[in-house]
Amino acid sequence: MDPLSDICASLRLRAELYFRAELDAPFAVALPQEAQHIRFHYMLGGEACISVPGAAPVTLGPGDMVLVPGGAAQVLSSECDAAQPVPLDAVIARHPIG
């Protein structure tokens, strides 16, 4: 079992939306606030920046995992000073999860 599967199994997490994305720079995706949710991002390769209102941006690299509690809104981008992010719903509409 891979490390992420081990973590999810031990925490008994349930996914409402789970997907793997390969994004080419430049990108910036805005994830809306969703109460009662914990989001996580696990980097298999490359780099990305995660920004949450009220906190300093964090750069993620291969093997890094970040949990965002409380359903906080966030932006996942190729650069910490990324331009206007695209809403997650718009990204999913253009590239359906299947």
C-alpha atoms as a PDB file:
ATOM      1  CA  MET A   1       0.000   0.000   0.000  1.00  0.00           C
ATOM      2  CA  ASP A   2       1.327   3.488  -0.809  1.00  0.00           C
ATOM      3  CA  PRO A   3       1.828   6.084   1.986  1.00  0.00           C
ATOM      4  CA  LEU A   4      -1.265   8.107   1.069  1.00  0.00           C
ATOM      5  CA  SER A   5      -3.497   5.011   1.129  1.00  0.00           C
ATOM      6  CA  ASP A   6      -2.031   4.057   4.517  1.00  0.00           C
ATOM      7  CA  ILE A   7      -2.826   7.502   5.930  1.00  0.00           C
ATOM      8  CA  CYS A   8      -6.371   7.527   4.570  1.00  0.00           C
ATOM      9  CA  ALA A   9      -7.056   4.002   5.842  1.00  0.00           C
ATOM     10  CA  SER A  10      -5.801   4.782   9.354  1.00  0.00           C
ATOM     11  CA  LEU A  11      -7.767   8.053   9.547  1.00  0.00           C
ATOM     12  CA  ARG A  12     -10.903   6.491   8.035  1.00  0.00           C
ATOM     13  CA  LEU A  13     -11.270   9.362   5.597  1.00  0.00           C
ATOM     14  CA  ARG A  14     -14.135   9.436   3.118  1.00  0.00           C
ATOM     15  CA  ALA A  15     -13.740  11.241  -0.150  1.00  0.00           C
ATOM     16  CA  GLU A  16     -16.410  13.349  -1.777  1.00  0.00           C
ATOM     17  CA  LEU A  17     -14.071  14.372  -4.571  1.00  0.00           C
ATOM     18  CA  TYR A  18     -10.745  12.705  -5.170  1.00  0.00           C
ATOM     19  CA  PHE A  19      -8.645  13.020  -8.276  1.00  0.00           C
ATOM     20  CA  ARG A  20      -5.125  13.111  -9.584  1.00  0.00           C
ATOM     21  CA  ALA A  21      -4.156  16.112 -11.687  1.00  0.00           C
ATOM     22  CA  GLU A  22      -1.176  16.776 -13.888  1.00  0.00           C
ATOM     23  CA  LEU A  23      -0.964  20.540 -14.281  1.00  0.00           C
ATOM     24  CA  ASP A  24       1.509  22.422 -16.460  1.00  0.00           C
ATOM     25  CA  ALA A  25       2.748  25.850 -15.384  1.00  0.00           C
ATOM     26  CA  PRO A  26       1.438  28.418 -15.304  1.00  0.00           C
ATOM     27  CA  PHE A  27      -1.691  27.398 -13.413  1.00  0.00           C
ATOM     28  CA  ALA A  28      -3.779  28.724 -10.546  1.00  0.00           C
ATOM     29  CA  VAL A  29      -6.916  26.944  -9.325  1.00  0.00           C
ATOM     30  CA  ALA A  30      -9.221  28.413  -6.672  1.00  0.00           C
ATOM     31  CA  LEU A  31     -10.919  25.914  -4.373  1.00  0.00           C
ATOM     32  CA  PRO A  32     -13.985  27.375  -2.630  1.00  0.00           C
ATOM     33  CA  GLN A  33     -14.689  27.257   1.075  1.00  0.00           C
ATOM     34  CA  GLU A  34     -16.615  24.127   2.069  1.00  0.00           C
ATOM     35  CA  ALA A  35     -17.563  23.849   5.719  1.00  0.00           C
ATOM     36  CA  GLN A  36     -16.949  20.553   7.490  1.00  0.00           C
ATOM     37  CA  HIS A  37     -14.327  19.402   4.978  1.00  0.00           C
ATOM     38  CA  ILE A  38     -10.618  18.734   5.218  1.00  0.00           C
ATOM     39  CA  ARG A  39      -8.740  18.999   1.965  1.00  0.00           C
ATOM     40  CA  PHE A  40      -5.372  17.496   1.305  1.00  0.00           C
ATOM     41  CA  HIS A  41      -2.849  17.808  -1.473  1.00  0.00           C
ATOM     42  CA  TYR A  42      -0.063  15.286  -2.033  1.00  0.00           C
ATOM     43  CA  MET A  43       2.690  16.151  -4.471  1.00  0.00           C
ATOM     44  CA  LEU A  44       4.000  13.260  -6.523  1.00  0.00           C
ATOM     45  CA  GLY A  45       6.361  15.482  -8.510  1.00  0.00           C
ATOM     46  CA  GLY A  46       7.056  19.056  -9.472  1.00  0.00           C
ATOM     47  CA  GLU A  47       6.262  22.084  -7.347  1.00  0.00           C
ATOM     48  CA  ALA A  48       3.138  24.009  -6.425  1.00  0.00           C
ATOM     49  CA  CYS A  49       2.184  26.751  -4.029  1.00  0.00           C
ATOM     50  CA  ILE A  50      -0.826  26.640  -1.742  1.00  0.00           C
ATOM     51  CA  SER A  51      -2.311  29.866  -0.418  1.00  0.00           C
ATOM     52  CA  VAL A  52      -4.971  30.041   2.289  1.00  0.00           C
ATOM     53  CA  PRO A  53      -6.432  33.394   3.404  1.00  0.00           C
ATOM     54  CA  GLY A  54      -4.759  34.642   6.569  1.00  0.00           C
ATOM     55  CA  ALA A  55      -1.669  32.415   6.231  1.00  0.00           C
ATOM     56  CA  ALA A  56       1.640  32.663   4.420  1.00  0.00           C
ATOM     57  CA  PRO A  57       1.802  30.741   1.119  1.00  0.00           C
ATOM     58  CA  VAL A  58       3.576  27.383   1.272  1.00  0.00           C
ATOM     59  CA  THR A  59       5.617  25.846  -1.550  1.00  0.00           C
ATOM     60  CA  LEU A  60       5.131  22.102  -1.966  1.00  0.00           C
ATOM     61  CA  GLY A  61       7.577  19.704  -3.600  1.00  0.00           C
ATOM     62  CA  PRO A  62       7.705  15.978  -4.397  1.00  0.00           C
ATOM     63  CA  GLY A  63       6.560  13.887  -1.423  1.00  0.00           C
ATOM     64  CA  ASP A  64       5.011  16.846   0.423  1.00  0.00           C
ATOM     65  CA  MET A  65       1.488  16.589   1.751  1.00  0.00           C
ATOM     66  CA  VAL A  66      -0.583  19.410   3.181  1.00  0.00           C
ATOM     67  CA  LEU A  67      -3.906  19.248   5.017  1.00  0.00           C
ATOM     68  CA  VAL A  68      -6.221  22.251   4.928  1.00  0.00           C
ATOM     69  CA  PRO A  69      -8.768  21.943   7.753  1.00  0.00           C
ATOM     70  CA  GLY A  70     -12.113  23.596   8.244  1.00  0.00           C
ATOM     71  CA  GLY A  71     -13.020  23.762   4.588  1.00  0.00           C
ATOM     72  CA  ALA A  72     -10.923  26.895   4.086  1.00  0.00           C
ATOM     73  CA  ALA A  73     -10.846  28.470   0.639  1.00  0.00           C
ATOM     74  CA  GLN A  74      -7.473  28.037  -1.036  1.00  0.00           C
ATOM     75  CA  VAL A  75      -5.518  28.573  -4.235  1.00  0.00           C
ATOM     76  CA  LEU A  76      -3.217  25.906  -5.634  1.00  0.00           C
ATOM     77  CA  SER A  77      -0.842  27.425  -8.179  1.00  0.00           C
ATOM     78  CA  SER A  78       2.454  27.034  -9.983  1.00  0.00           C
ATOM     79  CA  GLU A  79       3.756  30.315  -8.488  1.00  0.00           C
ATOM     80  CA  CYS A  80       3.009  31.848  -5.093  1.00  0.00           C
ATOM     81  CA  ASP A  81       2.248  35.183  -6.761  1.00  0.00           C
ATOM     82  CA  ALA A  82       0.023  33.654  -9.456  1.00  0.00           C
ATOM     83  CA  ALA A  83      -2.385  35.692 -11.521  1.00  0.00           C
ATOM     84  CA  GLN A  84      -6.172  35.392 -11.263  1.00  0.00           C
ATOM     85  CA  PRO A  85      -7.019  31.764 -10.358  1.00  0.00           C
ATOM     86  CA  VAL A  86      -9.589  29.733 -12.269  1.00  0.00           C
ATOM     87  CA  PRO A  87     -12.450  28.335 -10.109  1.00  0.00           C
ATOM     88  CA  LEU A  88     -12.235  24.571  -9.519  1.00  0.00           C
ATOM     89  CA  ASP A  89     -15.728  24.081 -10.995  1.00  0.00           C
ATOM     90  CA  ALA A  90     -14.556  25.611 -14.281  1.00  0.00           C
ATOM     91  CA  VAL A  91     -11.503  23.323 -14.398  1.00  0.00           C
ATOM     92  CA  ILE A  92     -13.646  20.237 -13.772  1.00  0.00           C
ATOM     93  CA  ALA A  93     -16.184  21.339 -16.403  1.00  0.00           C
ATOM     94  CA  ARG A  94     -13.411  21.610 -19.006  1.00  0.00           C
ATOM     95  CA  HIS A  95     -11.729  18.366 -17.955  1.00  0.00           C
ATOM     96  CA  PRO A  96     -14.371  15.991 -16.516  1.00  0.00           C
ATOM     97  CA  ILE A  97     -13.189  13.553 -13.877  1.00  0.00           C
ATOM     98  CA  GLY A  98     -13.639  10.054 -15.141  1.00  0.00           C
END
